Amino acid sequence: MPQLTFDFPATFFSALRRSPSEFAAEMKLAAAIHWYDQGMVSQGTAAEIAGLARARFLEELFRRKVPAIQVSLEELREELKRD
């Protein structure tokens, strides 16, 4: 699996009250939520990026007030016309 390395000042983690591993997990989750919210990845892919089960990822979306269903108003109108 490819890895990325970021350099942060030593004081960074104590200021955030996070260990480096907790911070890395938070960064992966934040990126996954952002990419999902932008429509760049599916829920399943976002959950995989975050290292979470899909149900747990959905809980995180709810906690962060990010809609779990990514349908545009136009897509919804088209869907309603079909019924």
N, C-alpha and C. Protein backbone atom coordinates (compact mmCIF):
# COMPACT_ATOMS: atom_id res chain seq x y z
N MET A 1 0.85 -1.18 0.00
CA MET A 1 0.00 0.00 0.00
C MET A 1 0.89 1.24 0.00
N PRO A 2 0.62 2.20 -0.88
CA PRO A 2 1.42 3.42 -0.89
C PRO A 2 1.27 4.21 0.41
N GLN A 3 2.32 4.91 0.77
CA GLN A 3 2.30 5.73 1.98
C GLN A 3 2.70 7.16 1.63
N LEU A 4 2.13 8.10 2.38
CA LEU A 4 2.51 9.50 2.27
C LEU A 4 3.11 9.93 3.60
N THR A 5 4.06 10.82 3.55
CA THR A 5 4.69 11.31 4.76
C THR A 5 4.52 12.83 4.83
N PHE A 6 4.09 13.32 5.98
CA PHE A 6 3.94 14.74 6.22
C PHE A 6 4.79 15.11 7.43
N ASP A 7 5.41 16.26 7.39
CA ASP A 7 6.19 16.73 8.52
C ASP A 7 5.41 17.81 9.26
N PHE A 8 5.32 17.65 10.59
CA PHE A 8 4.65 18.62 11.45
C PHE A 8 5.58 18.94 12.61
N PRO A 9 5.50 20.15 13.15
CA PRO A 9 6.31 20.48 14.33
C PRO A 9 5.93 19.56 15.50
N ALA A 10 6.87 19.28 16.36
CA ALA A 10 6.63 18.39 17.50
C ALA A 10 5.51 18.90 18.40
N THR A 11 5.36 20.21 18.49
CA THR A 11 4.33 20.79 19.37
C THR A 11 2.92 20.66 18.79
N PHE A 12 2.84 20.35 17.52
CA PHE A 12 1.56 20.27 16.83
C PHE A 12 0.61 19.28 17.49
N PHE A 13 1.08 18.09 17.79
CA PHE A 13 0.21 17.03 18.32
C PHE A 13 -0.25 17.33 19.74
N SER A 14 0.62 17.89 20.55
CA SER A 14 0.20 18.23 21.91
C SER A 14 -0.80 19.38 21.90
N ALA A 15 -0.64 20.32 20.97
CA ALA A 15 -1.58 21.44 20.87
C ALA A 15 -2.98 20.94 20.50
N LEU A 16 -3.03 19.90 19.67
CA LEU A 16 -4.32 19.33 19.26
C LEU A 16 -4.82 18.25 20.22
N ARG A 17 -3.97 17.90 21.17
CA ARG A 17 -4.28 16.83 22.12
C ARG A 17 -4.56 15.50 21.40
N ARG A 18 -3.72 15.23 20.40
CA ARG A 18 -3.82 14.01 19.62
C ARG A 18 -2.44 13.38 19.47
N SER A 19 -2.42 12.08 19.48
CA SER A 19 -1.17 11.38 19.15
C SER A 19 -1.02 11.41 17.64
N PRO A 20 0.18 11.16 17.14
CA PRO A 20 0.35 11.12 15.68
C PRO A 20 -0.60 10.12 15.01
N SER A 21 -0.82 8.96 15.62
CA SER A 21 -1.72 7.97 15.00
C SER A 21 -3.17 8.44 15.03
N GLU A 22 -3.58 9.12 16.12
CA GLU A 22 -4.95 9.67 16.18
C GLU A 22 -5.12 10.76 15.13
N PHE A 23 -4.10 11.59 14.97
CA PHE A 23 -4.17 12.66 13.98
C PHE A 23 -4.25 12.08 12.57
N ALA A 24 -3.46 11.04 12.28
CA ALA A 24 -3.49 10.41 10.96
C ALA A 24 -4.87 9.85 10.66
N ALA A 25 -5.48 9.21 11.66
CA ALA A 25 -6.83 8.66 11.47
C ALA A 25 -7.83 9.78 11.21
N GLU A 26 -7.71 10.88 11.93
CA GLU A 26 -8.60 12.03 11.73
C GLU A 26 -8.40 12.64 10.34
N MET A 27 -7.17 12.71 9.87
CA MET A 27 -6.90 13.24 8.53
C MET A 27 -7.53 12.36 7.46
N LYS A 28 -7.41 11.04 7.61
CA LYS A 28 -8.01 10.13 6.63
C LYS A 28 -9.53 10.27 6.62
N LEU A 29 -10.12 10.38 7.81
CA LEU A 29 -11.57 10.53 7.90
C LEU A 29 -12.01 11.86 7.29
N ALA A 30 -11.31 12.93 7.60
CA ALA A 30 -11.66 14.24 7.07
C ALA A 30 -11.55 14.27 5.54
N ALA A 31 -10.52 13.65 5.01
CA ALA A 31 -10.36 13.59 3.56
C ALA A 31 -11.48 12.77 2.93
N ALA A 32 -11.78 11.64 3.52
CA ALA A 32 -12.84 10.78 2.99
C ALA A 32 -14.19 11.50 2.99
N ILE A 33 -14.49 12.19 4.08
CA ILE A 33 -15.75 12.94 4.16
C ILE A 33 -15.77 14.06 3.12
N HIS A 34 -14.68 14.76 2.99
CA HIS A 34 -14.61 15.84 2.00
C HIS A 34 -14.82 15.30 0.59
N TRP A 35 -14.11 14.25 0.23
CA TRP A 35 -14.23 13.70 -1.12
C TRP A 35 -15.61 13.13 -1.37
N TYR A 36 -16.22 12.52 -0.34
CA TYR A 36 -17.59 12.02 -0.48
C TYR A 36 -18.55 13.19 -0.68
N ASP A 37 -18.42 14.22 0.14
CA ASP A 37 -19.29 15.39 0.07
C ASP A 37 -19.19 16.08 -1.29
N GLN A 38 -18.00 16.05 -1.90
CA GLN A 38 -17.79 16.65 -3.21
C GLN A 38 -18.25 15.74 -4.36
N GLY A 39 -18.69 14.52 -4.02
CA GLY A 39 -19.15 13.59 -5.04
C GLY A 39 -18.03 12.90 -5.79
N MET A 40 -16.84 12.94 -5.22
CA MET A 40 -15.68 12.35 -5.89
C MET A 40 -15.55 10.85 -5.65
N VAL A 41 -16.09 10.37 -4.52
CA VAL A 41 -16.03 8.95 -4.19
C VAL A 41 -17.39 8.51 -3.63
N SER A 42 -17.64 7.21 -3.70
CA SER A 42 -18.87 6.64 -3.15
C SER A 42 -18.76 6.49 -1.63
N GLN A 43 -19.88 6.17 -0.99
CA GLN A 43 -19.84 5.92 0.45
C GLN A 43 -18.89 4.78 0.78
N GLY A 44 -18.97 3.70 0.00
CA GLY A 44 -18.12 2.55 0.27
C GLY A 44 -16.64 2.88 0.15
N THR A 45 -16.29 3.62 -0.90
CA THR A 45 -14.90 4.01 -1.09
C THR A 45 -14.45 4.96 0.01
N ALA A 46 -15.30 5.91 0.37
CA ALA A 46 -14.96 6.85 1.44
C ALA A 46 -14.74 6.11 2.76
N ALA A 47 -15.60 5.17 3.05
CA ALA A 47 -15.45 4.37 4.28
C ALA A 47 -14.13 3.62 4.26
N GLU A 48 -13.79 3.06 3.11
CA GLU A 48 -12.52 2.34 2.97
C GLU A 48 -11.33 3.27 3.17
N ILE A 49 -11.38 4.47 2.58
CA ILE A 49 -10.31 5.46 2.75
C ILE A 49 -10.14 5.79 4.23
N ALA A 50 -11.27 5.96 4.92
CA ALA A 50 -11.24 6.31 6.34
C ALA A 50 -10.87 5.14 7.23
N GLY A 51 -10.90 3.93 6.69
CA GLY A 51 -10.59 2.75 7.49
C GLY A 51 -11.73 2.38 8.42
N LEU A 52 -12.97 2.66 7.99
CA LEU A 52 -14.15 2.40 8.81
C LEU A 52 -15.11 1.47 8.09
N ALA A 53 -15.94 0.79 8.86
CA ALA A 53 -17.08 0.08 8.28
C ALA A 53 -18.04 1.13 7.74
N ARG A 54 -18.81 0.77 6.75
CA ARG A 54 -19.71 1.75 6.13
C ARG A 54 -20.69 2.33 7.14
N ALA A 55 -21.23 1.50 8.05
CA ALA A 55 -22.16 2.00 9.06
C ALA A 55 -21.50 3.05 9.95
N ARG A 56 -20.27 2.81 10.33
CA ARG A 56 -19.53 3.78 11.17
C ARG A 56 -19.26 5.07 10.39
N PHE A 57 -18.98 4.94 9.09
CA PHE A 57 -18.78 6.12 8.25
C PHE A 57 -20.07 6.95 8.19
N LEU A 58 -21.20 6.28 8.04
CA LEU A 58 -22.48 6.99 8.03
C LEU A 58 -22.73 7.72 9.35
N GLU A 59 -22.35 7.11 10.45
CA GLU A 59 -22.46 7.77 11.76
C GLU A 59 -21.62 9.04 11.79
N GLU A 60 -20.42 8.97 11.23
CA GLU A 60 -19.54 10.15 11.19
C GLU A 60 -20.13 11.25 10.31
N LEU A 61 -20.75 10.87 9.19
CA LEU A 61 -21.42 11.86 8.36
C LEU A 61 -22.51 12.57 9.16
N PHE A 62 -23.31 11.80 9.87
CA PHE A 62 -24.39 12.37 10.68
C PHE A 62 -23.81 13.30 11.76
N ARG A 63 -22.79 12.84 12.43
CA ARG A 63 -22.18 13.63 13.51
C ARG A 63 -21.63 14.95 12.98
N ARG A 64 -21.14 14.95 11.76
CA ARG A 64 -20.54 16.15 11.17
C ARG A 64 -21.50 16.93 10.27
N LYS A 65 -22.77 16.49 10.31
CA LYS A 65 -23.85 17.18 9.57
C LYS A 65 -23.59 17.22 8.06
N VAL A 66 -23.10 16.10 7.52
CA VAL A 66 -22.88 15.96 6.08
C VAL A 66 -23.96 15.02 5.57
N PRO A 67 -24.73 15.43 4.55
CA PRO A 67 -25.79 14.56 4.05
C PRO A 67 -25.25 13.22 3.57
N ALA A 68 -25.94 12.16 3.96
CA ALA A 68 -25.52 10.81 3.57
C ALA A 68 -25.96 10.48 2.16
N ILE A 69 -26.95 11.17 1.66
CA ILE A 69 -27.45 10.94 0.31
C ILE A 69 -26.99 12.10 -0.56
N GLN A 70 -26.27 11.79 -1.59
CA GLN A 70 -25.69 12.81 -2.47
C GLN A 70 -26.46 12.85 -3.78
N VAL A 71 -27.63 13.47 -3.76
CA VAL A 71 -28.46 13.60 -4.95
C VAL A 71 -28.74 15.08 -5.15
N SER A 72 -28.51 15.56 -6.37
CA SER A 72 -28.78 16.97 -6.64
C SER A 72 -30.29 17.18 -6.78
N LEU A 73 -30.70 18.41 -6.66
CA LEU A 73 -32.11 18.75 -6.82
C LEU A 73 -32.59 18.37 -8.21
N GLU A 74 -31.77 18.61 -9.21
CA GLU A 74 -32.15 18.25 -10.59
C GLU A 74 -32.31 16.74 -10.74
N GLU A 75 -31.40 15.97 -10.15
CA GLU A 75 -31.51 14.50 -10.21
C GLU A 75 -32.78 14.03 -9.53
N LEU A 76 -33.12 14.64 -8.42
CA LEU A 76 -34.34 14.29 -7.70
C LEU A 76 -35.57 14.61 -8.54
N ARG A 77 -35.59 15.77 -9.19
CA ARG A 77 -36.71 16.14 -10.07
C ARG A 77 -36.87 15.14 -11.21
N GLU A 78 -35.76 14.75 -11.81
CA GLU A 78 -35.81 13.77 -12.90
C GLU A 78 -36.36 12.44 -12.41
N GLU A 79 -35.93 12.03 -11.23
CA GLU A 79 -36.40 10.78 -10.65
C GLU A 79 -37.91 10.83 -10.39
N LEU A 80 -38.37 11.95 -9.87
CA LEU A 80 -39.80 12.10 -9.59
C LEU A 80 -40.64 12.11 -10.87
N LYS A 81 -40.10 12.64 -11.94
CA LYS A 81 -40.81 12.65 -13.22
C LYS A 81 -41.02 11.24 -13.76
N ARG A 82 -40.09 10.35 -13.46
CA ARG A 82 -40.15 8.97 -13.97
C ARG A 82 -41.25 8.16 -13.30
N ASP A 83 -41.63 8.55 -12.11
CA ASP A 83 -42.65 7.76 -11.37
C ASP A 83 -44.06 8.13 -11.73
